């Protein structure tokens, strides 16, 4: 890695920050008895990772254009639904 400080700063200010804040929200919900999670940070990392999916990779690699607002909304709705309800029923 040529610029480890830059990589660390990017992660801490972007995906790491989002995961950390979401983990706090999930922990509060767990403490109120609204959800059941053993590891809120891991769940938060999974959720944030859902947004860095193959569509993101295809756009970064120039294989397809960025999604339209409607396509982005559909991706978010899908990720939230899978995260909250899983793939069952």
PDB file of N, CA and C in Angstrom:
ATOM      1  N   UNK A   1       0.856  -1.179   0.000  1.00  0.00           N
ATOM      2  CA  UNK A   1       0.000   0.000   0.000  1.00  0.00           C
ATOM      3  C   UNK A   1       0.899   1.237   0.000  1.00  0.00           C
ATOM      4  N   UNK A   2       0.690   2.093  -0.972  1.00  0.00           N
ATOM      5  CA  UNK A   2       1.577   3.260  -1.118  1.00  0.00           C
ATOM      6  C   UNK A   2       1.300   4.358  -0.106  1.00  0.00           C
ATOM      7  N   UNK A   3       0.029   4.533   0.258  1.00  0.00           N
ATOM      8  CA  UNK A   3      -0.334   5.625   1.157  1.00  0.00           C
ATOM      9  C   UNK A   3      -1.223   5.090   2.284  1.00  0.00           C
ATOM     10  N   UNK A   4      -0.648   4.370   3.235  1.00  0.00           N
ATOM     11  CA  UNK A   4      -1.465   3.769   4.287  1.00  0.00           C
ATOM     12  C   UNK A   4      -2.216   4.802   5.132  1.00  0.00           C
ATOM     13  N   UNK A   5      -1.639   5.966   5.332  1.00  0.00           N
ATOM     14  CA  UNK A   5      -2.314   6.992   6.128  1.00  0.00           C
ATOM     15  C   UNK A   5      -3.573   7.488   5.408  1.00  0.00           C
ATOM     16  N   UNK A   6      -3.469   7.623   4.091  1.00  0.00           N
ATOM     17  CA  UNK A   6      -4.610   8.066   3.294  1.00  0.00           C
ATOM     18  C   UNK A   6      -5.713   7.013   3.312  1.00  0.00           C
ATOM     19  N   UNK A   7      -5.327   5.747   3.172  1.00  0.00           N
ATOM     20  CA  UNK A   7      -6.315   4.659   3.208  1.00  0.00           C
ATOM     21  C   UNK A   7      -7.030   4.636   4.555  1.00  0.00           C
ATOM     22  N   UNK A   8      -6.278   4.772   5.629  1.00  0.00           N
ATOM     23  CA  UNK A   8      -6.870   4.770   6.975  1.00  0.00           C
ATOM     24  C   UNK A   8      -7.811   5.959   7.155  1.00  0.00           C
ATOM     25  N   UNK A   9      -7.372   7.135   6.728  1.00  0.00           N
ATOM     26  CA  UNK A   9      -8.208   8.336   6.859  1.00  0.00           C
ATOM     27  C   UNK A   9      -9.489   8.194   6.050  1.00  0.00           C
ATOM     28  N   UNK A  10      -9.384   7.663   4.822  1.00  0.00           N
ATOM     29  CA  UNK A  10     -10.575   7.448   4.005  1.00  0.00           C
ATOM     30  C   UNK A  10     -11.554   6.526   4.726  1.00  0.00           C
ATOM     31  N   UNK A  11     -11.056   5.392   5.223  1.00  0.00           N
ATOM     32  CA  UNK A  11     -11.940   4.432   5.883  1.00  0.00           C
ATOM     33  C   UNK A  11     -12.579   5.042   7.127  1.00  0.00           C
ATOM     34  N   UNK A  12     -11.797   5.724   7.943  1.00  0.00           N
ATOM     35  CA  UNK A  12     -12.311   6.285   9.196  1.00  0.00           C
ATOM     36  C   UNK A  12     -13.320   7.404   8.956  1.00  0.00           C
ATOM     37  N   UNK A  13     -13.166   8.156   7.878  1.00  0.00           N
ATOM     38  CA  UNK A  13     -14.085   9.266   7.595  1.00  0.00           C
ATOM     39  C   UNK A  13     -15.276   8.854   6.743  1.00  0.00           C
ATOM     40  N   UNK A  14     -15.216   7.686   6.122  1.00  0.00           N
ATOM     41  CA  UNK A  14     -16.292   7.224   5.238  1.00  0.00           C
ATOM     42  C   UNK A  14     -16.972   5.985   5.770  1.00  0.00           C
ATOM     43  N   UNK A  15     -16.643   4.806   5.203  1.00  0.00           N
ATOM     44  CA  UNK A  15     -17.331   3.576   5.600  1.00  0.00           C
ATOM     45  C   UNK A  15     -17.222   3.263   7.093  1.00  0.00           C
ATOM     46  N   UNK A  16     -16.065   3.486   7.687  1.00  0.00           N
ATOM     47  CA  UNK A  16     -15.896   3.208   9.113  1.00  0.00           C
ATOM     48  C   UNK A  16     -16.773   4.097   9.981  1.00  0.00           C
ATOM     49  N   UNK A  17     -16.885   5.337   9.587  1.00  0.00           N
ATOM     50  CA  UNK A  17     -17.731   6.284  10.336  1.00  0.00           C
ATOM     51  C   UNK A  17     -19.203   5.900  10.219  1.00  0.00           C
ATOM     52  N   UNK A  18     -19.622   5.541   9.020  1.00  0.00           N
ATOM     53  CA  UNK A  18     -21.010   5.125   8.817  1.00  0.00           C
ATOM     54  C   UNK A  18     -21.314   3.864   9.616  1.00  0.00           C
ATOM     55  N   UNK A  19     -20.414   2.883   9.578  1.00  0.00           N
ATOM     56  CA  UNK A  19     -20.619   1.650  10.336  1.00  0.00           C
ATOM     57  C   UNK A  19     -20.657   1.923  11.835  1.00  0.00           C
ATOM     58  N   UNK A  20     -19.770   2.775  12.294  1.00  0.00           N
ATOM     59  CA  UNK A  20     -19.729   3.104  13.720  1.00  0.00           C
ATOM     60  C   UNK A  20     -21.008   3.751  14.197  1.00  0.00           C
ATOM     61  N   UNK A  21     -21.503   4.701  13.439  1.00  0.00           N
ATOM     62  CA  UNK A  21     -22.741   5.389  13.836  1.00  0.00           C
ATOM     63  C   UNK A  21     -23.925   4.442  13.766  1.00  0.00           C
ATOM     64  N   UNK A  22     -24.007   3.626  12.723  1.00  0.00           N
ATOM     65  CA  UNK A  22     -25.097   2.671  12.622  1.00  0.00           C
ATOM     66  C   UNK A  22     -25.026   1.658  13.754  1.00  0.00           C
ATOM     67  N   UNK A  23     -23.824   1.219  14.115  1.00  0.00           N
ATOM     68  CA  UNK A  23     -23.674   0.288  15.241  1.00  0.00           C
ATOM     69  C   UNK A  23     -24.245   0.903  16.518  1.00  0.00           C
ATOM     70  N   UNK A  24     -24.015   2.195  16.732  1.00  0.00           N
ATOM     71  CA  UNK A  24     -24.570   2.881  17.907  1.00  0.00           C
ATOM     72  C   UNK A  24     -26.099   2.858  17.888  1.00  0.00           C
ATOM     73  N   UNK A  25     -26.678   3.118  16.725  1.00  0.00           N
ATOM     74  CA  UNK A  25     -28.142   3.105  16.584  1.00  0.00           C
ATOM     75  C   UNK A  25     -28.683   1.698  16.859  1.00  0.00           C
ATOM     76  N   UNK A  26     -28.009   0.687  16.300  1.00  0.00           N
ATOM     77  CA  UNK A  26     -28.444  -0.688  16.508  1.00  0.00           C
ATOM     78  C   UNK A  26     -28.306  -1.101  17.973  1.00  0.00           C
ATOM     79  N   UNK A  27     -27.221  -0.690  18.617  1.00  0.00           N
ATOM     80  CA  UNK A  27     -27.033  -0.999  20.035  1.00  0.00           C
ATOM     81  C   UNK A  27     -28.135  -0.372  20.889  1.00  0.00           C
ATOM     82  N   UNK A  28     -28.520   0.854  20.578  1.00  0.00           N
ATOM     83  CA  UNK A  28     -29.602   1.512  21.319  1.00  0.00           C
ATOM     84  C   UNK A  28     -30.918   0.762  21.114  1.00  0.00           C
ATOM     85  N   UNK A  29     -31.185   0.334  19.883  1.00  0.00           N
ATOM     86  CA  UNK A  29     -32.404  -0.427  19.607  1.00  0.00           C
ATOM     87  C   UNK A  29     -32.372  -1.769  20.331  1.00  0.00           C
ATOM     88  N   UNK A  30     -31.206  -2.395  20.356  1.00  0.00           N
ATOM     89  CA  UNK A  30     -31.067  -3.667  21.082  1.00  0.00           C
ATOM     90  C   UNK A  30     -31.307  -3.453  22.574  1.00  0.00           C
ATOM     91  N   UNK A  31     -30.751  -2.387  23.126  1.00  0.00           N
ATOM     92  CA  UNK A  31     -30.916  -2.100  24.551  1.00  0.00           C
ATOM     93  C   UNK A  31     -32.375  -1.821  24.923  1.00  0.00           C
ATOM     94  N   UNK A  32     -33.141  -1.293  23.954  1.00  0.00           N
ATOM     95  CA  UNK A  32     -34.574  -1.047  24.187  1.00  0.00           C
ATOM     96  C   UNK A  32     -35.409  -2.308  23.945  1.00  0.00           C
ATOM     97  N   UNK A  33     -34.769  -3.391  23.506  1.00  0.00           N
ATOM     98  CA  UNK A  33     -35.470  -4.637  23.248  1.00  0.00           C
ATOM     99  C   UNK A  33     -36.179  -4.678  21.907  1.00  0.00           C
ATOM    100  N   UNK A  34     -35.844  -3.753  21.014  1.00  0.00           N
ATOM    101  CA  UNK A  34     -36.507  -3.685  19.708  1.00  0.00           C
ATOM    102  C   UNK A  34     -35.923  -4.671  18.689  1.00  0.00           C
ATOM    103  N   UNK A  35     -34.661  -5.018  18.846  1.00  0.00           N
ATOM    104  CA  UNK A  35     -34.013  -5.961  17.945  1.00  0.00           C
ATOM    105  C   UNK A  35     -33.154  -6.916  18.769  1.00  0.00           C
ATOM    106  N   UNK A  36     -32.793  -8.015  18.145  1.00  0.00           N
ATOM    107  CA  UNK A  36     -31.920  -8.988  18.787  1.00  0.00           C
ATOM    108  C   UNK A  36     -30.677  -9.168  17.928  1.00  0.00           C
ATOM    109  N   UNK A  37     -29.563  -8.643  18.387  1.00  0.00           N
ATOM    110  CA  UNK A  37     -28.279  -8.774  17.692  1.00  0.00           C
ATOM    111  C   UNK A  37     -27.196  -9.036  18.725  1.00  0.00           C
ATOM    112  N   UNK A  38     -26.312  -9.965  18.413  1.00  0.00           N
ATOM    113  CA  UNK A  38     -25.174 -10.199  19.295  1.00  0.00           C
ATOM    114  C   UNK A  38     -24.062  -9.191  19.037  1.00  0.00           C
ATOM    115  N   UNK A  39     -23.810  -8.888  17.766  1.00  0.00           N
ATOM    116  CA  UNK A  39     -22.691  -8.027  17.400  1.00  0.00           C
ATOM    117  C   UNK A  39     -23.193  -6.917  16.484  1.00  0.00           C
ATOM    118  N   UNK A  40     -23.505  -5.781  17.070  1.00  0.00           N
ATOM    119  CA  UNK A  40     -24.080  -4.664  16.309  1.00  0.00           C
ATOM    120  C   UNK A  40     -23.077  -4.074  15.324  1.00  0.00           C
ATOM    121  N   UNK A  41     -21.808  -4.066  15.664  1.00  0.00           N
ATOM    122  CA  UNK A  41     -20.800  -3.517  14.746  1.00  0.00           C
ATOM    123  C   UNK A  41     -20.705  -4.390  13.494  1.00  0.00           C
ATOM    124  N   UNK A  42     -20.729  -5.694  13.681  1.00  0.00           N
ATOM    125  CA  UNK A  42     -20.643  -6.598  12.543  1.00  0.00           C
ATOM    126  C   UNK A  42     -21.862  -6.421  11.644  1.00  0.00           C
ATOM    127  N   UNK A  43     -23.041  -6.317  12.248  1.00  0.00           N
ATOM    128  CA  UNK A  43     -24.261  -6.096  11.474  1.00  0.00           C
ATOM    129  C   UNK A  43     -24.181  -4.774  10.715  1.00  0.00           C
ATOM    130  N   UNK A  44     -23.670  -3.749  11.369  1.00  0.00           N
ATOM    131  CA  UNK A  44     -23.528  -2.444  10.715  1.00  0.00           C
ATOM    132  C   UNK A  44     -22.554  -2.528   9.544  1.00  0.00           C
ATOM    133  N   UNK A  45     -21.453  -3.243   9.730  1.00  0.00           N
ATOM    134  CA  UNK A  45     -20.491  -3.411   8.638  1.00  0.00           C
ATOM    135  C   UNK A  45     -21.130  -4.133   7.454  1.00  0.00           C
ATOM    136  N   UNK A  46     -21.941  -5.149   7.742  1.00  0.00           N
ATOM    137  CA  UNK A  46     -22.639  -5.864   6.671  1.00  0.00           C
ATOM    138  C   UNK A  46     -23.576  -4.921   5.906  1.00  0.00           C
ATOM    139  N   UNK A  47     -24.329  -4.127   6.655  1.00  0.00           N
ATOM    140  CA  UNK A  47     -25.285  -3.220   6.029  1.00  0.00           C
ATOM    141  C   UNK A  47     -24.578  -2.201   5.140  1.00  0.00           C
ATOM    142  N   UNK A  48     -23.530  -1.585   5.664  1.00  0.00           N
ATOM    143  CA  UNK A  48     -22.781  -0.604   4.869  1.00  0.00           C
ATOM    144  C   UNK A  48     -22.175  -1.289   3.642  1.00  0.00           C
ATOM    145  N   UNK A  49     -21.714  -2.521   3.808  1.00  0.00           N
ATOM    146  CA  UNK A  49     -21.156  -3.272   2.689  1.00  0.00           C
ATOM    147  C   UNK A  49     -22.171  -3.567   1.603  1.00  0.00           C
ATOM    148  N   UNK A  50     -23.441  -3.654   1.971  1.00  0.00           N
ATOM    149  CA  UNK A  50     -24.480  -3.919   0.976  1.00  0.00           C
ATOM    150  C   UNK A  50     -24.555  -2.787  -0.050  1.00  0.00           C
ATOM    151  N   UNK A  51     -24.133  -1.608   0.331  1.00  0.00           N
ATOM    152  CA  UNK A  51     -24.176  -0.478  -0.602  1.00  0.00           C
ATOM    153  C   UNK A  51     -22.946  -0.423  -1.501  1.00  0.00           C
ATOM    154  N   UNK A  52     -21.933  -1.207  -1.159  1.00  0.00           N
ATOM    155  CA  UNK A  52     -20.734  -1.273  -1.991  1.00  0.00           C
ATOM    156  C   UNK A  52     -20.754  -2.595  -2.730  1.00  0.00           C
ATOM    157  N   UNK A  53     -21.840  -2.814  -3.407  1.00  0.00           N
ATOM    158  CA  UNK A  53     -22.101  -4.097  -4.046  1.00  0.00           C
ATOM    159  C   UNK A  53     -21.515  -4.147  -5.460  1.00  0.00           C
ATOM    160  N   UNK A  54     -21.957  -5.114  -6.228  1.00  0.00           N
ATOM    161  CA  UNK A  54     -21.448  -5.255  -7.588  1.00  0.00           C
ATOM    162  C   UNK A  54     -21.806  -4.075  -8.481  1.00  0.00           C
ATOM    163  N   UNK A  55     -22.938  -3.440  -8.252  1.00  0.00           N
ATOM    164  CA  UNK A  55     -23.278  -2.253  -9.040  1.00  0.00           C
ATOM    165  C   UNK A  55     -22.211  -1.184  -8.849  1.00  0.00           C
ATOM    166  N   UNK A  56     -21.829  -0.945  -7.621  1.00  0.00           N
ATOM    167  CA  UNK A  56     -20.789   0.033  -7.329  1.00  0.00           C
ATOM    168  C   UNK A  56     -19.501  -0.334  -8.052  1.00  0.00           C
ATOM    169  N   UNK A  57     -19.112  -1.598  -7.967  1.00  0.00           N
ATOM    170  CA  UNK A  57     -17.894  -2.053  -8.621  1.00  0.00           C
ATOM    171  C   UNK A  57     -17.972  -1.874 -10.137  1.00  0.00           C
ATOM    172  N   UNK A  58     -19.115  -2.210 -10.712  1.00  0.00           N
ATOM    173  CA  UNK A  58     -19.271  -2.051 -12.166  1.00  0.00           C
ATOM    174  C   UNK A  58     -19.160  -0.579 -12.574  1.00  0.00           C
ATOM    175  N   UNK A  59     -19.725   0.312 -11.768  1.00  0.00           N
ATOM    176  CA  UNK A  59     -19.632   1.748 -12.078  1.00  0.00           C
ATOM    177  C   UNK A  59     -18.183   2.212 -11.951  1.00  0.00           C
ATOM    178  N   UNK A  60     -17.500   1.831 -10.865  1.00  0.00           N
ATOM    179  CA  UNK A  60     -16.109   2.240 -10.660  1.00  0.00           C
ATOM    180  C   UNK A  60     -15.211   1.742 -11.786  1.00  0.00           C
ATOM    181  N   UNK A  61     -15.490   0.532 -12.269  1.00  0.00           N
ATOM    182  CA  UNK A  61     -14.691  -0.035 -13.355  1.00  0.00           C
ATOM    183  C   UNK A  61     -15.089   0.484 -14.733  1.00  0.00           C
ATOM    184  N   UNK A  62     -16.116   1.323 -14.788  1.00  0.00           N
ATOM    185  CA  UNK A  62     -16.558   1.889 -16.051  1.00  0.00           C
ATOM    186  C   UNK A  62     -17.351   0.918 -16.910  1.00  0.00           C
ATOM    187  N   UNK A  63     -17.889  -0.125 -16.290  1.00  0.00           N
ATOM    188  CA  UNK A  63     -18.647  -1.119 -17.046  1.00  0.00           C
ATOM    189  C   UNK A  63     -20.110  -0.719 -17.239  1.00  0.00           C
ATOM    190  N   UNK A  64     -20.573   0.223 -16.440  1.00  0.00           N
ATOM    191  CA  UNK A  64     -21.934   0.734 -16.606  1.00  0.00           C
ATOM    192  C   UNK A  64     -21.986   2.144 -16.029  1.00  0.00           C
ATOM    193  N   UNK A  65     -22.992   2.919 -16.428  1.00  0.00           N
ATOM    194  CA  UNK A  65     -23.105   4.282 -15.901  1.00  0.00           C
ATOM    195  C   UNK A  65     -23.626   4.254 -14.466  1.00  0.00           C
ATOM    196  N   UNK A  66     -23.441   5.352 -13.750  1.00  0.00           N
ATOM    197  CA  UNK A  66     -24.012   5.425 -12.398  1.00  0.00           C
ATOM    198  C   UNK A  66     -25.528   5.236 -12.453  1.00  0.00           C
ATOM    199  N   UNK A  67     -26.106   4.710 -11.386  1.00  0.00           N
ATOM    200  CA  UNK A  67     -27.555   4.494 -11.391  1.00  0.00           C
ATOM    201  C   UNK A  67     -28.309   5.816 -11.387  1.00  0.00           C
ATOM    202  N   UNK A  68     -29.499   5.766 -11.953  1.00  0.00           N
ATOM    203  CA  UNK A  68     -30.378   6.932 -11.894  1.00  0.00           C
ATOM    204  C   UNK A  68     -30.876   7.060 -10.447  1.00  0.00           C
ATOM    205  N   UNK A  69     -31.463   8.199 -10.096  1.00  0.00           N
ATOM    206  CA  UNK A  69     -32.029   8.317  -8.751  1.00  0.00           C
ATOM    207  C   UNK A  69     -33.034   7.203  -8.433  1.00  0.00           C
ATOM    208  N   UNK A  70     -33.852   6.819  -9.400  1.00  0.00           N
ATOM    209  CA  UNK A  70     -34.828   5.751  -9.165  1.00  0.00           C
ATOM    210  C   UNK A  70     -34.130   4.414  -8.938  1.00  0.00           C
ATOM    211  N   UNK A  71     -33.067   4.146  -9.705  1.00  0.00           N
ATOM    212  CA  UNK A  71     -32.314   2.904  -9.521  1.00  0.00           C
ATOM    213  C   UNK A  71     -31.589   2.887  -8.176  1.00  0.00           C
ATOM    214  N   UNK A  72     -31.055   4.030  -7.782  1.00  0.00           N
ATOM    215  CA  UNK A  72     -30.390   4.126  -6.476  1.00  0.00           C
ATOM    216  C   UNK A  72     -31.402   3.909  -5.356  1.00  0.00           C
ATOM    217  N   UNK A  73     -32.579   4.517  -5.474  1.00  0.00           N
ATOM    218  CA  UNK A  73     -33.636   4.316  -4.469  1.00  0.00           C
ATOM    219  C   UNK A  73     -34.021   2.845  -4.376  1.00  0.00           C
ATOM    220  N   UNK A  74     -34.150   2.181  -5.524  1.00  0.00           N
ATOM    221  CA  UNK A  74     -34.520   0.762  -5.534  1.00  0.00           C
ATOM    222  C   UNK A  74     -33.444  -0.079  -4.848  1.00  0.00           C
ATOM    223  N   UNK A  75     -32.173   0.249  -5.071  1.00  0.00           N
ATOM    224  CA  UNK A  75     -31.083  -0.486  -4.426  1.00  0.00           C
ATOM    225  C   UNK A  75     -31.109  -0.293  -2.915  1.00  0.00           C
ATOM    226  N   UNK A  76     -31.367   0.931  -2.475  1.00  0.00           N
ATOM    227  CA  UNK A  76     -31.442   1.215  -1.036  1.00  0.00           C
ATOM    228  C   UNK A  76     -32.623   0.478  -0.416  1.00  0.00           C
ATOM    229  N   UNK A  77     -33.770   0.545  -1.041  1.00  0.00           N
ATOM    230  CA  UNK A  77     -34.960  -0.133  -0.520  1.00  0.00           C
ATOM    231  C   UNK A  77     -34.713  -1.640  -0.430  1.00  0.00           C
ATOM    232  N   UNK A  78     -34.085  -2.209  -1.433  1.00  0.00           N
ATOM    233  CA  UNK A  78     -33.776  -3.638  -1.424  1.00  0.00           C
ATOM    234  C   UNK A  78     -32.821  -3.982  -0.285  1.00  0.00           C
ATOM    235  N   UNK A  79     -31.750  -3.206  -0.144  1.00  0.00           N
ATOM    236  CA  UNK A  79     -30.764  -3.486   0.910  1.00  0.00           C
ATOM    237  C   UNK A  79     -31.388  -3.370   2.292  1.00  0.00           C
ATOM    238  N   UNK A  80     -32.190  -2.350   2.519  1.00  0.00           N
ATOM    239  CA  UNK A  80     -32.853  -2.175   3.817  1.00  0.00           C
ATOM    240  C   UNK A  80     -33.812  -3.339   4.085  1.00  0.00           C
ATOM    241  N   UNK A  81     -34.569  -3.732   3.074  1.00  0.00           N
ATOM    242  CA  UNK A  81     -35.500  -4.846   3.238  1.00  0.00           C
ATOM    243  C   UNK A  81     -34.795  -6.147   3.563  1.00  0.00           C
ATOM    244  N   UNK A  82     -33.713  -6.439   2.854  1.00  0.00           N
ATOM    245  CA  UNK A  82     -32.958  -7.660   3.131  1.00  0.00           C
ATOM    246  C   UNK A  82     -32.318  -7.594   4.511  1.00  0.00           C
ATOM    247  N   UNK A  83     -31.786  -6.445   4.863  1.00  0.00           N
ATOM    248  CA  UNK A  83     -31.145  -6.293   6.178  1.00  0.00           C
ATOM    249  C   UNK A  83     -32.153  -6.478   7.314  1.00  0.00           C
ATOM    250  N   UNK A  84     -33.324  -5.866   7.180  1.00  0.00           N
ATOM    251  CA  UNK A  84     -34.314  -5.923   8.254  1.00  0.00           C
ATOM    252  C   UNK A  84     -35.098  -7.237   8.298  1.00  0.00           C
ATOM    253  N   UNK A  85     -35.328  -7.822   7.123  1.00  0.00           N
ATOM    254  CA  UNK A  85     -36.223  -8.986   7.068  1.00  0.00           C
ATOM    255  C   UNK A  85     -35.552 -10.245   6.560  1.00  0.00           C
ATOM    256  N   UNK A  86     -34.321 -10.167   6.107  1.00  0.00           N
ATOM    257  CA  UNK A  86     -33.648 -11.332   5.552  1.00  0.00           C
ATOM    258  C   UNK A  86     -34.260 -11.701   4.208  1.00  0.00           C
ATOM    259  N   UNK A  87     -33.992 -12.900   3.797  1.00  0.00           N
ATOM    260  CA  UNK A  87     -34.494 -13.362   2.511  1.00  0.00           C
ATOM    261  C   UNK A  87     -35.646 -14.336   2.673  1.00  0.00           C
ATOM    262  N   UNK A  88     -36.147 -14.482   3.879  1.00  0.00           N
ATOM    263  CA  UNK A  88     -37.269 -15.372   4.128  1.00  0.00           C
ATOM    264  C   UNK A  88     -38.582 -14.617   4.017  1.00  0.00           C
ATOM    265  N   UNK A  89     -39.587 -15.280   3.497  1.00  0.00           N
ATOM    266  CA  UNK A  89     -40.960 -14.811   3.465  1.00  0.00           C
ATOM    267  C   UNK A  89     -41.104 -13.380   3.267  1.00  0.00           C
TER     268      UNK A  89
END
